[in-house]
Amino acid sequence: MKRAIPVLALSIAGLVPVWLYSPGPAHEGEINEAAAAPETQAQTQAPQTTTAAPKTSGAAPTTQPQQTQQQQTQQQAQTRTVSGPAVNTSEGVVQVQVTLQGNKITDVRALRAPNSDPTRMALPILKQEALKAQSADIDTVSGATATSTGYKQSLQAALDGAQ
């Protein structure tokens, strides 16, 4: 009984700071990578293509296959940016924007994401994994499970919308 009162008093004293805790300004708001880095001219302008005269090899030149090849080259060189939907997670809203050149993912940016330490650490990893996998089939980042799930859902929807 002699120990009960000090243990109770110290337990309450230890819990008071936990009850009074509120997140500071570092945890408020959202992350927006697209606003932090302005778009480059390559993303805002249509790609320029040049055409060269066909080389002659003695046979009659055929323009049909060459036109098809030029169209394929233009489609591959076409750069487009597609935004995925905003996905609500338990940590906040996550929305990504994907830049594609042809069918290749060249960049992924977080338009919206929770402003927390786990999210700030996870976003570069998620971007790297998406660029490496060239799809939304990426691993979840430990400690940022909700953000990772929202990131993958928004990225998949953006990729689906790009096709």
N, C-alpha and C. Protein backbone atom coordinates (compact mmCIF):
# COMPACT_ATOMS: atom_id res chain seq x y z
N MET A 1 0.82 -1.19 0.00
CA MET A 1 0.00 0.00 0.00
C MET A 1 0.87 1.26 0.00
N LYS A 2 2.07 1.15 0.59
CA LYS A 2 2.93 2.31 0.64
C LYS A 2 3.37 2.72 -0.77
N ARG A 3 3.49 1.77 -1.65
CA ARG A 3 3.95 2.05 -3.01
C ARG A 3 2.82 2.45 -3.95
N ALA A 4 1.61 2.16 -3.63
CA ALA A 4 0.49 2.39 -4.53
C ALA A 4 0.28 3.87 -4.82
N ILE A 5 0.38 4.71 -3.80
CA ILE A 5 0.13 6.14 -4.00
C ILE A 5 1.22 6.77 -4.89
N PRO A 6 2.52 6.53 -4.65
CA PRO A 6 3.52 7.11 -5.55
C PRO A 6 3.41 6.55 -6.99
N VAL A 7 3.11 5.27 -7.13
CA VAL A 7 2.97 4.68 -8.47
C VAL A 7 1.80 5.33 -9.20
N LEU A 8 0.69 5.51 -8.53
CA LEU A 8 -0.47 6.14 -9.12
C LEU A 8 -0.18 7.59 -9.50
N ALA A 9 0.46 8.32 -8.62
CA ALA A 9 0.78 9.72 -8.88
C ALA A 9 1.75 9.85 -10.05
N LEU A 10 2.77 9.01 -10.11
CA LEU A 10 3.73 9.07 -11.22
C LEU A 10 3.11 8.62 -12.54
N SER A 11 2.21 7.67 -12.47
CA SER A 11 1.53 7.23 -13.69
C SER A 11 0.68 8.35 -14.28
N ILE A 12 -0.03 9.05 -13.43
CA ILE A 12 -0.86 10.17 -13.89
C ILE A 12 0.04 11.28 -14.42
N ALA A 13 1.13 11.56 -13.72
CA ALA A 13 2.06 12.60 -14.16
C ALA A 13 2.67 12.25 -15.52
N GLY A 14 2.90 10.99 -15.77
CA GLY A 14 3.45 10.56 -17.05
C GLY A 14 2.43 10.61 -18.18
N LEU A 15 1.15 10.44 -17.87
CA LEU A 15 0.12 10.43 -18.89
C LEU A 15 -0.38 11.83 -19.25
N VAL A 16 -0.20 12.81 -18.37
CA VAL A 16 -0.67 14.17 -18.65
C VAL A 16 -0.08 14.72 -19.94
N PRO A 17 1.24 14.63 -20.20
CA PRO A 17 1.76 15.15 -21.47
C PRO A 17 1.18 14.43 -22.68
N VAL A 18 0.90 13.15 -22.55
CA VAL A 18 0.32 12.39 -23.66
C VAL A 18 -1.09 12.91 -23.95
N TRP A 19 -1.87 13.18 -22.92
CA TRP A 19 -3.23 13.68 -23.10
C TRP A 19 -3.22 15.09 -23.70
N LEU A 20 -2.24 15.89 -23.35
CA LEU A 20 -2.19 17.28 -23.81
C LEU A 20 -1.49 17.44 -25.16
N TYR A 21 -0.93 16.39 -25.71
CA TYR A 21 -0.18 16.47 -26.96
C TYR A 21 -1.09 16.85 -28.13
N SER A 22 -0.60 17.74 -28.96
CA SER A 22 -1.26 18.04 -30.23
C SER A 22 -0.16 18.21 -31.27
N PRO A 23 -0.37 17.70 -32.47
CA PRO A 23 0.67 17.79 -33.50
C PRO A 23 1.00 19.25 -33.83
N GLY A 24 2.25 19.50 -34.08
CA GLY A 24 2.70 20.84 -34.40
C GLY A 24 2.45 21.19 -35.86
N PRO A 25 2.91 22.36 -36.29
CA PRO A 25 2.66 22.80 -37.66
C PRO A 25 3.31 21.92 -38.72
N ALA A 26 4.31 21.12 -38.38
CA ALA A 26 4.94 20.25 -39.36
C ALA A 26 3.99 19.15 -39.84
N HIS A 27 2.94 18.89 -39.08
CA HIS A 27 2.01 17.83 -39.45
C HIS A 27 0.73 18.36 -40.08
N GLU A 28 0.63 19.67 -40.23
CA GLU A 28 -0.58 20.23 -40.80
C GLU A 28 -0.45 20.36 -42.31
N GLY A 29 -1.58 20.33 -42.98
CA GLY A 29 -1.58 20.55 -44.42
C GLY A 29 -1.22 19.31 -45.21
N GLU A 30 -0.82 19.56 -46.44
CA GLU A 30 -0.50 18.47 -47.35
C GLU A 30 0.78 18.78 -48.10
N ILE A 31 1.35 17.74 -48.66
CA ILE A 31 2.52 17.87 -49.52
C ILE A 31 2.02 18.01 -50.95
N ASN A 32 2.64 18.89 -51.72
CA ASN A 32 2.30 19.06 -53.12
C ASN A 32 3.59 19.19 -53.90
N GLU A 33 4.08 18.07 -54.45
CA GLU A 33 5.34 18.07 -55.19
C GLU A 33 5.22 18.85 -56.49
N ALA A 34 4.05 18.85 -57.10
CA ALA A 34 3.89 19.54 -58.38
C ALA A 34 4.01 21.05 -58.21
N ALA A 35 3.56 21.60 -57.09
CA ALA A 35 3.68 23.03 -56.86
C ALA A 35 5.11 23.40 -56.47
N ALA A 36 5.83 22.47 -55.88
CA ALA A 36 7.20 22.74 -55.45
C ALA A 36 8.16 22.84 -56.62
N ALA A 37 7.93 22.06 -57.67
CA ALA A 37 8.81 22.06 -58.84
C ALA A 37 8.02 22.47 -60.07
N PRO A 38 8.34 23.63 -60.69
CA PRO A 38 7.60 24.05 -61.87
C PRO A 38 7.82 23.10 -63.04
N GLU A 39 6.81 23.04 -63.91
CA GLU A 39 6.91 22.16 -65.08
C GLU A 39 7.98 22.67 -66.03
N THR A 40 8.63 21.75 -66.69
CA THR A 40 9.61 22.12 -67.69
C THR A 40 8.92 22.33 -69.03
N GLN A 41 9.63 22.95 -69.96
CA GLN A 41 9.04 23.18 -71.27
C GLN A 41 8.73 21.87 -71.98
N ALA A 42 9.53 20.85 -71.72
CA ALA A 42 9.31 19.56 -72.39
C ALA A 42 7.95 18.99 -72.03
N GLN A 43 7.46 19.29 -70.82
CA GLN A 43 6.17 18.75 -70.41
C GLN A 43 5.02 19.60 -70.94
N THR A 44 5.25 20.89 -71.19
CA THR A 44 4.15 21.75 -71.57
C THR A 44 4.01 21.91 -73.07
N GLN A 45 5.06 21.63 -73.83
CA GLN A 45 4.99 21.79 -75.27
C GLN A 45 4.92 20.43 -75.95
N ALA A 46 4.30 20.43 -77.11
CA ALA A 46 4.24 19.20 -77.88
C ALA A 46 5.64 18.89 -78.41
N PRO A 47 6.02 17.64 -78.49
CA PRO A 47 7.35 17.30 -78.97
C PRO A 47 7.52 17.68 -80.43
N GLN A 48 8.70 18.14 -80.77
CA GLN A 48 8.98 18.51 -82.15
C GLN A 48 9.63 17.32 -82.84
N THR A 49 9.16 17.04 -84.02
CA THR A 49 9.74 15.93 -84.78
C THR A 49 10.23 16.46 -86.10
N THR A 50 11.29 15.88 -86.57
CA THR A 50 11.81 16.26 -87.87
C THR A 50 11.75 15.06 -88.77
N THR A 51 11.54 15.32 -90.05
CA THR A 51 11.49 14.23 -91.01
C THR A 51 12.63 14.41 -91.99
N ALA A 52 13.24 13.35 -92.35
CA ALA A 52 14.34 13.38 -93.30
C ALA A 52 13.88 12.71 -94.59
N ALA A 53 14.51 13.09 -95.68
CA ALA A 53 14.18 12.48 -96.97
C ALA A 53 14.62 11.03 -96.95
N PRO A 54 13.84 10.15 -97.57
CA PRO A 54 14.21 8.73 -97.56
C PRO A 54 15.46 8.49 -98.39
N LYS A 55 16.27 7.57 -97.94
CA LYS A 55 17.46 7.18 -98.69
C LYS A 55 17.03 6.27 -99.83
N THR A 56 17.65 6.47 -100.97
CA THR A 56 17.31 5.62 -102.12
C THR A 56 18.31 4.49 -102.21
N SER A 57 17.80 3.33 -102.53
CA SER A 57 18.67 2.17 -102.63
C SER A 57 18.55 1.53 -104.01
N GLY A 58 18.07 2.26 -104.99
CA GLY A 58 17.93 1.71 -106.32
C GLY A 58 16.54 1.20 -106.57
N ALA A 59 15.83 0.76 -105.55
CA ALA A 59 14.46 0.28 -105.71
C ALA A 59 13.52 1.46 -105.56
N ALA A 60 12.32 1.29 -106.02
CA ALA A 60 11.33 2.35 -105.91
C ALA A 60 11.02 2.59 -104.43
N PRO A 61 11.05 3.84 -103.99
CA PRO A 61 10.78 4.11 -102.57
C PRO A 61 9.33 3.83 -102.23
N THR A 62 9.13 3.31 -101.04
CA THR A 62 7.78 3.06 -100.57
C THR A 62 7.53 4.02 -99.42
N THR A 63 6.47 4.78 -99.50
CA THR A 63 6.18 5.77 -98.46
C THR A 63 5.24 5.23 -97.40
N GLN A 64 4.49 4.21 -97.69
CA GLN A 64 3.52 3.68 -96.73
C GLN A 64 4.19 3.15 -95.46
N PRO A 65 5.18 2.26 -95.54
CA PRO A 65 5.80 1.77 -94.31
C PRO A 65 6.53 2.90 -93.56
N GLN A 66 7.09 3.84 -94.30
CA GLN A 66 7.81 4.91 -93.66
C GLN A 66 6.84 5.82 -92.89
N GLN A 67 5.66 6.07 -93.43
CA GLN A 67 4.68 6.88 -92.73
C GLN A 67 4.23 6.17 -91.45
N THR A 68 4.04 4.89 -91.54
CA THR A 68 3.65 4.13 -90.36
C THR A 68 4.74 4.20 -89.30
N GLN A 69 5.99 4.10 -89.73
CA GLN A 69 7.11 4.17 -88.80
C GLN A 69 7.18 5.56 -88.16
N GLN A 70 6.94 6.61 -88.93
CA GLN A 70 6.96 7.97 -88.38
C GLN A 70 5.82 8.16 -87.39
N GLN A 71 4.65 7.61 -87.69
CA GLN A 71 3.53 7.72 -86.77
C GLN A 71 3.85 7.01 -85.46
N GLN A 72 4.49 5.85 -85.54
CA GLN A 72 4.87 5.12 -84.33
C GLN A 72 5.89 5.91 -83.53
N THR A 73 6.85 6.54 -84.21
CA THR A 73 7.86 7.33 -83.54
C THR A 73 7.21 8.53 -82.84
N GLN A 74 6.25 9.17 -83.51
CA GLN A 74 5.57 10.31 -82.91
C GLN A 74 4.76 9.88 -81.69
N GLN A 75 4.11 8.72 -81.77
CA GLN A 75 3.34 8.23 -80.64
C GLN A 75 4.25 7.91 -79.47
N GLN A 76 5.42 7.34 -79.76
CA GLN A 76 6.36 7.01 -78.69
C GLN A 76 6.94 8.27 -78.07
N ALA A 77 7.14 9.29 -78.86
CA ALA A 77 7.75 10.52 -78.37
C ALA A 77 6.73 11.43 -77.69
N GLN A 78 5.45 11.16 -77.85
CA GLN A 78 4.41 12.00 -77.27
C GLN A 78 4.48 11.95 -75.75
N THR A 79 4.65 13.10 -75.14
CA THR A 79 4.69 13.19 -73.69
C THR A 79 3.34 13.69 -73.20
N ARG A 80 2.78 12.98 -72.24
CA ARG A 80 1.51 13.41 -71.68
C ARG A 80 1.53 13.24 -70.16
N THR A 81 0.76 14.07 -69.51
CA THR A 81 0.68 14.06 -68.06
C THR A 81 -0.76 13.77 -67.66
N VAL A 82 -0.95 12.80 -66.78
CA VAL A 82 -2.29 12.40 -66.35
C VAL A 82 -2.33 12.40 -64.83
N SER A 83 -3.37 13.01 -64.28
CA SER A 83 -3.56 13.03 -62.83
C SER A 83 -4.52 11.92 -62.43
N GLY A 84 -4.18 11.25 -61.35
CA GLY A 84 -5.06 10.23 -60.80
C GLY A 84 -6.07 10.89 -59.87
N PRO A 85 -7.06 10.14 -59.43
CA PRO A 85 -8.06 10.70 -58.53
C PRO A 85 -7.47 10.88 -57.13
N ALA A 86 -8.09 11.75 -56.35
CA ALA A 86 -7.71 11.93 -54.95
C ALA A 86 -8.29 10.74 -54.17
N VAL A 87 -7.42 10.05 -53.44
CA VAL A 87 -7.82 8.86 -52.69
C VAL A 87 -7.77 9.20 -51.20
N ASN A 88 -8.89 9.02 -50.51
CA ASN A 88 -8.94 9.26 -49.07
C ASN A 88 -8.36 8.07 -48.33
N THR A 89 -7.41 8.34 -47.45
CA THR A 89 -6.82 7.29 -46.62
C THR A 89 -7.01 7.68 -45.16
N SER A 90 -6.64 6.80 -44.25
CA SER A 90 -6.76 7.11 -42.83
C SER A 90 -5.80 8.23 -42.41
N GLU A 91 -4.76 8.48 -43.18
CA GLU A 91 -3.79 9.53 -42.86
C GLU A 91 -4.09 10.84 -43.57
N GLY A 92 -4.90 10.82 -44.62
CA GLY A 92 -5.21 12.01 -45.39
C GLY A 92 -5.41 11.66 -46.85
N VAL A 93 -5.50 12.68 -47.67
CA VAL A 93 -5.77 12.51 -49.10
C VAL A 93 -4.45 12.33 -49.85
N VAL A 94 -4.44 11.36 -50.79
CA VAL A 94 -3.27 11.11 -51.64
C VAL A 94 -3.73 11.18 -53.09
N GLN A 95 -2.98 11.96 -53.90
CA GLN A 95 -3.27 12.08 -55.33
C GLN A 95 -1.94 12.20 -56.05
N VAL A 96 -1.78 11.46 -57.14
CA VAL A 96 -0.53 11.51 -57.90
C VAL A 96 -0.78 11.94 -59.34
N GLN A 97 0.29 12.40 -59.96
CA GLN A 97 0.28 12.80 -61.37
C GLN A 97 1.41 12.03 -62.04
N VAL A 98 1.12 11.37 -63.14
CA VAL A 98 2.12 10.57 -63.84
C VAL A 98 2.40 11.19 -65.20
N THR A 99 3.68 11.23 -65.56
CA THR A 99 4.09 11.72 -66.86
C THR A 99 4.56 10.53 -67.68
N LEU A 100 3.99 10.40 -68.86
CA LEU A 100 4.29 9.27 -69.73
C LEU A 100 4.88 9.77 -71.04
N GLN A 101 5.85 9.05 -71.54
CA GLN A 101 6.37 9.30 -72.88
C GLN A 101 6.14 8.00 -73.64
N GLY A 102 5.16 8.04 -74.53
CA GLY A 102 4.71 6.80 -75.15
C GLY A 102 4.01 5.98 -74.08
N ASN A 103 4.51 4.77 -73.85
CA ASN A 103 3.97 3.92 -72.79
C ASN A 103 4.90 3.85 -71.58
N LYS A 104 5.96 4.64 -71.58
CA LYS A 104 6.95 4.60 -70.51
C LYS A 104 6.67 5.68 -69.47
N ILE A 105 6.66 5.28 -68.20
CA ILE A 105 6.50 6.24 -67.10
C ILE A 105 7.83 6.96 -66.92
N THR A 106 7.81 8.29 -67.08
CA THR A 106 9.04 9.06 -66.93
C THR A 106 9.08 9.85 -65.63
N ASP A 107 7.92 10.11 -65.01
CA ASP A 107 7.90 10.86 -63.76
C ASP A 107 6.59 10.59 -63.04
N VAL A 108 6.66 10.60 -61.72
CA VAL A 108 5.47 10.49 -60.88
C VAL A 108 5.62 11.54 -59.78
N ARG A 109 4.60 12.37 -59.62
CA ARG A 109 4.61 13.41 -58.58
C ARG A 109 3.40 13.27 -57.70
N ALA A 110 3.58 13.60 -56.44
CA ALA A 110 2.46 13.62 -55.51
C ALA A 110 1.81 15.00 -55.58
N LEU A 111 0.57 15.05 -56.05
CA LEU A 111 -0.16 16.31 -56.06
C LEU A 111 -0.66 16.64 -54.66
N ARG A 112 -1.09 15.60 -53.96
CA ARG A 112 -1.56 15.77 -52.57
C ARG A 112 -1.10 14.56 -51.78
N ALA A 113 -0.64 14.81 -50.56
CA ALA A 113 -0.25 13.73 -49.66
C ALA A 113 -0.22 14.30 -48.24
N PRO A 114 -0.45 13.46 -47.24
CA PRO A 114 -0.38 13.95 -45.87
C PRO A 114 1.01 14.49 -45.55
N ASN A 115 1.07 15.57 -44.79
CA ASN A 115 2.34 16.17 -44.42
C ASN A 115 2.80 15.57 -43.10
N SER A 116 3.41 14.40 -43.20
CA SER A 116 3.92 13.72 -42.00
C SER A 116 5.28 13.12 -42.33
N ASP A 117 6.04 12.82 -41.28
CA ASP A 117 7.37 12.26 -41.49
C ASP A 117 7.34 10.95 -42.27
N PRO A 118 6.48 9.99 -41.93
CA PRO A 118 6.47 8.74 -42.71
C PRO A 118 6.15 8.97 -44.19
N THR A 119 5.23 9.89 -44.47
CA THR A 119 4.88 10.16 -45.86
C THR A 119 6.04 10.82 -46.59
N ARG A 120 6.69 11.80 -45.94
CA ARG A 120 7.82 12.47 -46.58
C ARG A 120 8.94 11.49 -46.89
N MET A 121 9.12 10.49 -46.05
CA MET A 121 10.15 9.48 -46.31
C MET A 121 9.70 8.48 -47.36
N ALA A 122 8.40 8.22 -47.45
CA ALA A 122 7.89 7.20 -48.36
C ALA A 122 7.77 7.68 -49.80
N LEU A 123 7.46 8.95 -50.01
CA LEU A 123 7.20 9.43 -51.38
C LEU A 123 8.36 9.20 -52.35
N PRO A 124 9.61 9.50 -51.99
CA PRO A 124 10.70 9.22 -52.94
C PRO A 124 10.86 7.72 -53.23
N ILE A 125 10.61 6.91 -52.22
CA ILE A 125 10.72 5.45 -52.40
C ILE A 125 9.62 4.96 -53.34
N LEU A 126 8.39 5.44 -53.13
CA LEU A 126 7.28 5.04 -53.98
C LEU A 126 7.51 5.49 -55.42
N LYS A 127 8.02 6.71 -55.60
CA LYS A 127 8.31 7.20 -56.95
C LYS A 127 9.36 6.33 -57.63
N GLN A 128 10.42 6.02 -56.91
CA GLN A 128 11.50 5.19 -57.45
C GLN A 128 10.98 3.81 -57.84
N GLU A 129 10.17 3.23 -57.00
CA GLU A 129 9.61 1.90 -57.28
C GLU A 129 8.69 1.93 -58.50
N ALA A 130 7.88 2.99 -58.62
CA ALA A 130 6.97 3.09 -59.77
C ALA A 130 7.76 3.25 -61.07
N LEU A 131 8.82 4.05 -61.04
CA LEU A 131 9.64 4.22 -62.23
C LEU A 131 10.36 2.92 -62.59
N LYS A 132 10.80 2.20 -61.59
CA LYS A 132 11.49 0.93 -61.81
C LYS A 132 10.53 -0.13 -62.35
N ALA A 133 9.35 -0.24 -61.75
CA ALA A 133 8.37 -1.27 -62.14
C ALA A 133 7.61 -0.88 -63.41
N GLN A 134 7.57 0.42 -63.74
CA GLN A 134 6.80 0.92 -64.88
C GLN A 134 5.33 0.53 -64.76
N SER A 135 4.85 0.48 -63.52
CA SER A 135 3.44 0.18 -63.27
C SER A 135 3.11 0.60 -61.84
N ALA A 136 1.89 0.35 -61.43
CA ALA A 136 1.47 0.64 -60.07
C ALA A 136 1.63 -0.57 -59.17
N ASP A 137 2.20 -1.64 -59.70
CA ASP A 137 2.42 -2.86 -58.93
C ASP A 137 3.73 -2.71 -58.16
N ILE A 138 3.66 -1.96 -57.05
CA ILE A 138 4.85 -1.66 -56.25
C ILE A 138 4.62 -2.08 -54.81
N ASP A 139 5.71 -2.23 -54.07
CA ASP A 139 5.63 -2.63 -52.68
C ASP A 139 5.16 -1.47 -51.80
N THR A 140 4.51 -1.82 -50.70
CA THR A 140 4.09 -0.84 -49.71
C THR A 140 5.30 -0.47 -48.86
N VAL A 141 5.43 0.81 -48.53
CA VAL A 141 6.53 1.27 -47.69
C VAL A 141 6.13 1.07 -46.24
N SER A 142 6.95 0.36 -45.49
CA SER A 142 6.69 0.09 -44.09
C SER A 142 6.65 1.39 -43.30
N GLY A 143 5.63 1.56 -42.49
CA GLY A 143 5.47 2.77 -41.70
C GLY A 143 4.59 3.81 -42.39
N ALA A 144 4.35 3.63 -43.67
CA ALA A 144 3.49 4.54 -44.43
C ALA A 144 2.52 3.72 -45.27
N THR A 145 1.89 2.76 -44.63
CA THR A 145 1.01 1.83 -45.34
C THR A 145 -0.18 2.54 -45.97
N ALA A 146 -0.83 3.43 -45.23
CA ALA A 146 -2.01 4.12 -45.77
C ALA A 146 -1.62 5.00 -46.96
N THR A 147 -0.52 5.73 -46.83
CA THR A 147 -0.06 6.58 -47.93
C THR A 147 0.31 5.73 -49.14
N SER A 148 1.00 4.62 -48.91
CA SER A 148 1.40 3.73 -50.00
C SER A 148 0.19 3.18 -50.74
N THR A 149 -0.83 2.79 -50.00
CA THR A 149 -2.04 2.23 -50.61
C THR A 149 -2.74 3.29 -51.46
N GLY A 150 -2.89 4.49 -50.92
CA GLY A 150 -3.52 5.57 -51.67
C GLY A 150 -2.70 5.96 -52.90
N TYR A 151 -1.38 5.96 -52.77
CA TYR A 151 -0.47 6.28 -53.87
C TYR A 151 -0.66 5.27 -55.01
N LYS A 152 -0.67 3.98 -54.65
CA LYS A 152 -0.83 2.94 -55.67
C LYS A 152 -2.19 3.02 -56.35
N GLN A 153 -3.25 3.30 -55.59
CA GLN A 153 -4.59 3.39 -56.18
C GLN A 153 -4.69 4.58 -57.14
N SER A 154 -4.17 5.72 -56.73
CA SER A 154 -4.22 6.91 -57.59
C SER A 154 -3.35 6.71 -58.84
N LEU A 155 -2.18 6.10 -58.66
CA LEU A 155 -1.28 5.84 -59.80
C LEU A 155 -1.93 4.87 -60.78
N GLN A 156 -2.55 3.82 -60.29
CA GLN A 156 -3.20 2.85 -61.18
C GLN A 156 -4.33 3.49 -61.97
N ALA A 157 -5.11 4.33 -61.30
CA ALA A 157 -6.21 5.01 -61.98
C ALA A 157 -5.69 5.98 -63.04
N ALA A 158 -4.57 6.65 -62.74
CA ALA A 158 -3.97 7.56 -63.73
C ALA A 158 -3.46 6.78 -64.95
N LEU A 159 -2.83 5.65 -64.69
CA LEU A 159 -2.34 4.81 -65.80
C LEU A 159 -3.50 4.26 -66.62
N ASP A 160 -4.57 3.87 -65.96
CA ASP A 160 -5.75 3.38 -66.68
C ASP A 160 -6.34 4.49 -67.54
N GLY A 161 -6.37 5.71 -67.01
CA GLY A 161 -6.91 6.85 -67.76
C GLY A 161 -6.04 7.29 -68.91
N ALA A 162 -4.76 6.96 -68.85
CA ALA A 162 -3.84 7.37 -69.91
C ALA A 162 -3.97 6.50 -71.15
N GLN A 163 -4.55 5.33 -71.01
CA GLN A 163 -4.63 4.40 -72.15
C GLN A 163 -5.85 4.59 -72.95
